[in-house]
Structure formats: structure tokens, C-alpha cells
């Protein structure tokens, strides 16, 4: 697929990007190459291929879910400007 100057300008406008006119041919070539690669990949027969979340068959080592620190809520909230029922009170930012 070959992209023209108008296509690149439209994509740049939609993405709210400023592109110099001198750079448009490079962007057109690069984006056209990407679209050609996607087109080649869409032709590949993937029937019978099991989807993978990761290319390596690895197991993630997880640590035990245990409390490792004592509760310091009162000490940490002592310097807060406003606290109510164990919660920090902050100014409203959304109307």
C-alpha cells in the first residue's frame, strides 16, 4: 500500500502532529512499509496455532502475600492538613 502526501498530512492532523513538508516523503515510505508488512502477516495461515501471552514458556516467581510492615496510619496522617475516618481529605478537583 502506498501512501501519498495527502494521506500523511491527514494522519498527522488526526494525531495532532506537526510535520515538516521535507519529512513527508520519509513518513510516507516508512508508514507504507509498515502497512505492507501488516498485509504480508495477514496472509499467513494461523489455523491450529495456539495463542501465546509470551513467546517464552516461563513461569513468574511470586513472593508470598504477607504483611511485612506494621500499621503506621496515625503516625503518617499526623502531618496531613485534613483527615477524616482514617482517610486523607483533599480539595475537590472535578466539578
N, C-alpha and C. Protein backbone atom coordinates (compact mmCIF):
# COMPACT_ATOMS: atom_id res chain seq x y z
N UNK A 1 0.85 -1.17 0.00
CA UNK A 1 0.00 0.00 0.00
C UNK A 1 0.89 1.23 0.00
N UNK A 2 0.62 2.14 -0.87
CA UNK A 2 1.42 3.34 -0.98
C UNK A 2 0.62 4.54 -0.48
N UNK A 3 1.20 5.26 0.45
CA UNK A 3 0.55 6.44 0.99
C UNK A 3 1.09 7.69 0.30
N UNK A 4 0.21 8.63 0.05
CA UNK A 4 0.60 9.89 -0.58
C UNK A 4 0.74 11.00 0.43
N UNK A 5 1.10 12.17 -0.08
CA UNK A 5 1.28 13.35 0.77
C UNK A 5 0.00 13.69 1.52
N UNK A 6 -1.14 13.59 0.84
CA UNK A 6 -2.42 13.93 1.48
C UNK A 6 -2.72 12.98 2.62
N UNK A 7 -2.41 11.67 2.42
CA UNK A 7 -2.64 10.68 3.47
C UNK A 7 -1.81 10.98 4.70
N UNK A 8 -0.55 11.31 4.49
CA UNK A 8 0.35 11.61 5.61
C UNK A 8 -0.11 12.86 6.34
N UNK A 9 -0.51 13.87 5.60
CA UNK A 9 -1.00 15.10 6.22
C UNK A 9 -2.27 14.85 7.03
N UNK A 10 -3.15 14.00 6.51
CA UNK A 10 -4.38 13.68 7.24
C UNK A 10 -4.07 12.90 8.51
N UNK A 11 -3.16 11.93 8.43
CA UNK A 11 -2.77 11.15 9.60
C UNK A 11 -2.12 12.07 10.64
N UNK A 12 -1.25 12.97 10.20
CA UNK A 12 -0.60 13.91 11.11
C UNK A 12 -1.63 14.82 11.77
N UNK A 13 -2.61 15.26 11.01
CA UNK A 13 -3.66 16.11 11.57
C UNK A 13 -4.47 15.35 12.62
N UNK A 14 -4.85 14.11 12.32
CA UNK A 14 -5.63 13.31 13.27
C UNK A 14 -4.84 13.03 14.54
N UNK A 15 -3.52 12.85 14.40
CA UNK A 15 -2.66 12.58 15.55
C UNK A 15 -2.19 13.87 16.22
N UNK A 16 -2.59 15.00 15.67
CA UNK A 16 -2.20 16.32 16.19
C UNK A 16 -0.68 16.45 16.23
N UNK A 17 -0.03 16.04 15.12
CA UNK A 17 1.41 16.14 14.98
C UNK A 17 1.77 17.18 13.94
N UNK A 18 2.82 17.92 14.20
CA UNK A 18 3.32 18.87 13.21
C UNK A 18 4.45 18.22 12.44
N UNK A 19 4.32 18.14 11.12
CA UNK A 19 5.32 17.50 10.27
C UNK A 19 5.80 18.51 9.25
N UNK A 20 7.11 18.61 9.08
CA UNK A 20 7.68 19.48 8.04
C UNK A 20 7.41 18.87 6.67
N UNK A 21 7.21 19.73 5.69
CA UNK A 21 6.96 19.24 4.33
C UNK A 21 8.13 18.41 3.80
N UNK A 22 9.33 18.71 4.23
CA UNK A 22 10.50 17.96 3.77
C UNK A 22 10.52 16.53 4.33
N UNK A 23 9.85 16.31 5.45
CA UNK A 23 9.84 14.99 6.07
C UNK A 23 8.70 14.09 5.57
N UNK A 24 7.75 14.63 4.84
CA UNK A 24 6.59 13.87 4.39
C UNK A 24 6.98 12.64 3.56
N UNK A 25 7.91 12.73 2.60
CA UNK A 25 8.27 11.52 1.84
C UNK A 25 8.83 10.39 2.71
N UNK A 26 9.63 10.74 3.73
CA UNK A 26 10.17 9.72 4.63
C UNK A 26 9.05 9.06 5.43
N UNK A 27 8.13 9.87 5.93
CA UNK A 27 6.99 9.31 6.68
C UNK A 27 6.14 8.43 5.77
N UNK A 28 5.92 8.86 4.56
CA UNK A 28 5.11 8.08 3.62
C UNK A 28 5.77 6.73 3.34
N UNK A 29 7.07 6.74 3.13
CA UNK A 29 7.78 5.49 2.85
C UNK A 29 7.73 4.55 4.07
N UNK A 30 8.02 5.10 5.25
CA UNK A 30 8.04 4.27 6.46
C UNK A 30 6.66 3.70 6.77
N UNK A 31 5.63 4.52 6.72
CA UNK A 31 4.28 4.03 7.01
C UNK A 31 3.81 3.04 5.95
N UNK A 32 4.17 3.26 4.70
CA UNK A 32 3.82 2.32 3.64
C UNK A 32 4.50 0.97 3.87
N UNK A 33 5.76 1.00 4.30
CA UNK A 33 6.47 -0.25 4.60
C UNK A 33 5.80 -1.00 5.75
N UNK A 34 5.36 -0.28 6.77
CA UNK A 34 4.68 -0.91 7.90
C UNK A 34 3.37 -1.54 7.44
N UNK A 35 2.61 -0.82 6.64
CA UNK A 35 1.34 -1.36 6.15
C UNK A 35 1.55 -2.57 5.24
N UNK A 36 2.62 -2.56 4.44
CA UNK A 36 2.95 -3.71 3.61
C UNK A 36 3.29 -4.93 4.48
N UNK A 37 4.02 -4.73 5.55
CA UNK A 37 4.35 -5.81 6.45
C UNK A 37 3.10 -6.39 7.12
N UNK A 38 2.19 -5.52 7.54
CA UNK A 38 0.94 -5.99 8.13
C UNK A 38 0.14 -6.79 7.11
N UNK A 39 0.14 -6.35 5.87
CA UNK A 39 -0.57 -7.07 4.82
C UNK A 39 0.05 -8.46 4.61
N UNK A 40 1.37 -8.54 4.61
CA UNK A 40 2.04 -9.84 4.48
C UNK A 40 1.70 -10.76 5.65
N UNK A 41 1.66 -10.21 6.84
CA UNK A 41 1.36 -11.01 8.02
C UNK A 41 -0.08 -11.51 8.03
N UNK A 42 -1.00 -10.74 7.46
CA UNK A 42 -2.41 -11.15 7.45
C UNK A 42 -2.66 -12.32 6.52
N UNK A 43 -1.75 -12.58 5.59
CA UNK A 43 -1.89 -13.68 4.65
C UNK A 43 -1.48 -15.02 5.28
N UNK A 44 -0.67 -14.98 6.33
CA UNK A 44 -0.14 -16.19 6.95
C UNK A 44 -1.28 -16.98 7.58
N UNK A 45 -1.29 -18.31 7.33
CA UNK A 45 -2.31 -19.20 7.89
C UNK A 45 -1.96 -19.50 9.34
N UNK A 46 -2.81 -19.07 10.27
CA UNK A 46 -2.56 -19.29 11.69
C UNK A 46 -3.52 -20.30 12.29
N UNK A 47 -4.24 -21.06 11.47
CA UNK A 47 -5.12 -22.10 11.99
C UNK A 47 -4.28 -23.15 12.70
N UNK A 48 -4.71 -23.55 13.86
CA UNK A 48 -4.00 -24.56 14.62
C UNK A 48 -2.86 -24.02 15.45
N UNK A 49 -2.62 -22.73 15.41
CA UNK A 49 -1.56 -22.13 16.22
C UNK A 49 -2.18 -21.65 17.53
N UNK A 50 -1.64 -22.14 18.62
CA UNK A 50 -2.16 -21.76 19.93
C UNK A 50 -1.70 -20.34 20.28
N UNK A 51 -2.64 -19.46 20.65
CA UNK A 51 -2.25 -18.10 21.04
C UNK A 51 -1.38 -18.14 22.29
N UNK A 52 -0.40 -17.25 22.33
CA UNK A 52 0.50 -17.20 23.48
C UNK A 52 0.48 -15.79 24.07
N UNK A 53 0.61 -15.73 25.38
CA UNK A 53 0.71 -14.44 26.04
C UNK A 53 2.15 -13.95 26.04
N UNK A 54 3.10 -14.88 25.88
CA UNK A 54 4.51 -14.55 25.90
C UNK A 54 5.26 -15.57 25.06
N UNK A 55 6.28 -15.16 24.32
CA UNK A 55 6.97 -16.11 23.45
C UNK A 55 7.78 -17.16 24.19
N UNK A 56 8.12 -16.91 25.44
CA UNK A 56 8.86 -17.88 26.22
C UNK A 56 7.93 -18.60 27.18
N UNK A 57 8.12 -19.88 27.33
CA UNK A 57 7.29 -20.66 28.25
C UNK A 57 7.89 -20.55 29.65
N UNK A 58 7.68 -19.41 30.30
CA UNK A 58 8.28 -19.15 31.60
C UNK A 58 7.20 -18.94 32.64
N UNK A 59 7.53 -19.30 33.86
CA UNK A 59 6.63 -19.09 34.99
C UNK A 59 7.14 -17.91 35.80
N UNK A 60 6.24 -17.06 36.22
CA UNK A 60 6.64 -15.92 37.03
C UNK A 60 6.74 -16.35 38.50
N UNK A 61 7.87 -16.03 39.09
CA UNK A 61 8.05 -16.33 40.51
C UNK A 61 7.35 -15.25 41.32
N UNK A 62 6.48 -15.65 42.20
CA UNK A 62 5.73 -14.71 43.02
C UNK A 62 6.15 -14.85 44.47
N UNK A 63 6.19 -13.75 45.16
CA UNK A 63 6.50 -13.81 46.58
C UNK A 63 5.21 -14.05 47.35
N UNK A 64 5.36 -14.50 48.57
CA UNK A 64 4.18 -14.74 49.41
C UNK A 64 3.50 -13.42 49.73
N UNK A 65 2.18 -13.43 49.74
CA UNK A 65 1.40 -12.23 50.03
C UNK A 65 1.25 -12.10 51.54
N UNK A 66 2.26 -11.52 52.17
CA UNK A 66 2.28 -11.40 53.62
C UNK A 66 2.53 -9.94 54.01
N UNK A 67 1.97 -9.52 55.14
CA UNK A 67 2.21 -8.19 55.67
C UNK A 67 3.62 -8.15 56.22
N UNK A 68 4.40 -7.15 55.79
CA UNK A 68 5.79 -7.05 56.24
C UNK A 68 6.05 -5.78 57.04
N UNK A 69 5.08 -4.89 57.12
CA UNK A 69 5.25 -3.65 57.87
C UNK A 69 4.10 -3.48 58.84
N UNK A 70 4.36 -2.76 59.91
CA UNK A 70 3.30 -2.51 60.88
C UNK A 70 2.43 -1.35 60.39
N UNK A 71 1.22 -1.28 60.91
CA UNK A 71 0.29 -0.21 60.54
C UNK A 71 0.73 1.09 61.20
N UNK A 72 1.08 2.09 60.38
CA UNK A 72 1.54 3.39 60.88
C UNK A 72 0.60 4.51 60.44
N UNK A 73 -0.68 4.20 60.29
CA UNK A 73 -1.63 5.18 59.75
C UNK A 73 -1.65 6.46 60.56
N UNK A 74 -1.80 6.37 61.89
CA UNK A 74 -1.90 7.58 62.70
C UNK A 74 -0.62 8.41 62.61
N UNK A 75 0.51 7.75 62.62
CA UNK A 75 1.79 8.45 62.54
C UNK A 75 1.94 9.15 61.18
N UNK A 76 1.55 8.50 60.09
CA UNK A 76 1.68 9.08 58.76
C UNK A 76 0.66 10.20 58.53
N UNK A 77 -0.51 10.09 59.14
CA UNK A 77 -1.53 11.12 58.94
C UNK A 77 -1.40 12.29 59.91
N UNK A 78 -0.46 12.22 60.84
CA UNK A 78 -0.30 13.29 61.83
C UNK A 78 0.04 14.62 61.17
N UNK A 79 0.75 14.60 60.04
CA UNK A 79 1.14 15.84 59.37
C UNK A 79 0.16 16.27 58.28
N UNK A 80 -0.86 15.50 58.04
CA UNK A 80 -1.81 15.82 56.97
C UNK A 80 -2.67 17.02 57.37
N UNK A 81 -2.97 17.89 56.42
CA UNK A 81 -3.80 19.07 56.74
C UNK A 81 -5.21 18.68 57.17
N UNK A 82 -5.79 17.65 56.51
CA UNK A 82 -7.16 17.24 56.85
C UNK A 82 -7.28 15.73 56.75
N UNK A 83 -7.85 15.13 57.81
CA UNK A 83 -8.05 13.68 57.86
C UNK A 83 -9.43 13.44 58.44
N UNK A 84 -10.11 12.43 57.92
CA UNK A 84 -11.41 12.06 58.46
C UNK A 84 -11.58 10.55 58.34
N UNK A 85 -11.89 9.90 59.45
CA UNK A 85 -12.15 8.46 59.49
C UNK A 85 -10.98 7.66 58.91
N UNK A 86 -9.75 8.11 59.18
CA UNK A 86 -8.59 7.39 58.69
C UNK A 86 -8.25 7.63 57.23
N UNK A 87 -8.91 8.62 56.60
CA UNK A 87 -8.68 8.91 55.18
C UNK A 87 -8.14 10.33 55.03
N UNK A 88 -7.26 10.52 54.04
CA UNK A 88 -6.77 11.85 53.71
C UNK A 88 -7.88 12.60 52.98
N UNK A 89 -8.15 13.83 53.37
CA UNK A 89 -9.12 14.66 52.66
C UNK A 89 -8.34 15.62 51.76
N UNK A 90 -8.76 15.69 50.51
CA UNK A 90 -8.08 16.56 49.54
C UNK A 90 -9.12 17.47 48.91
N UNK A 91 -8.69 18.62 48.34
CA UNK A 91 -9.64 19.51 47.68
C UNK A 91 -10.26 18.82 46.45
N UNK A 92 -11.51 19.17 46.20
CA UNK A 92 -12.21 18.63 45.05
C UNK A 92 -11.57 19.17 43.78
N UNK A 93 -11.27 18.28 42.82
CA UNK A 93 -10.63 18.72 41.57
C UNK A 93 -11.56 18.56 40.37
N UNK A 94 -12.65 17.83 40.51
CA UNK A 94 -13.61 17.64 39.43
C UNK A 94 -14.94 18.18 39.90
N UNK A 95 -15.55 19.02 39.07
CA UNK A 95 -16.84 19.61 39.45
C UNK A 95 -17.97 18.71 39.04
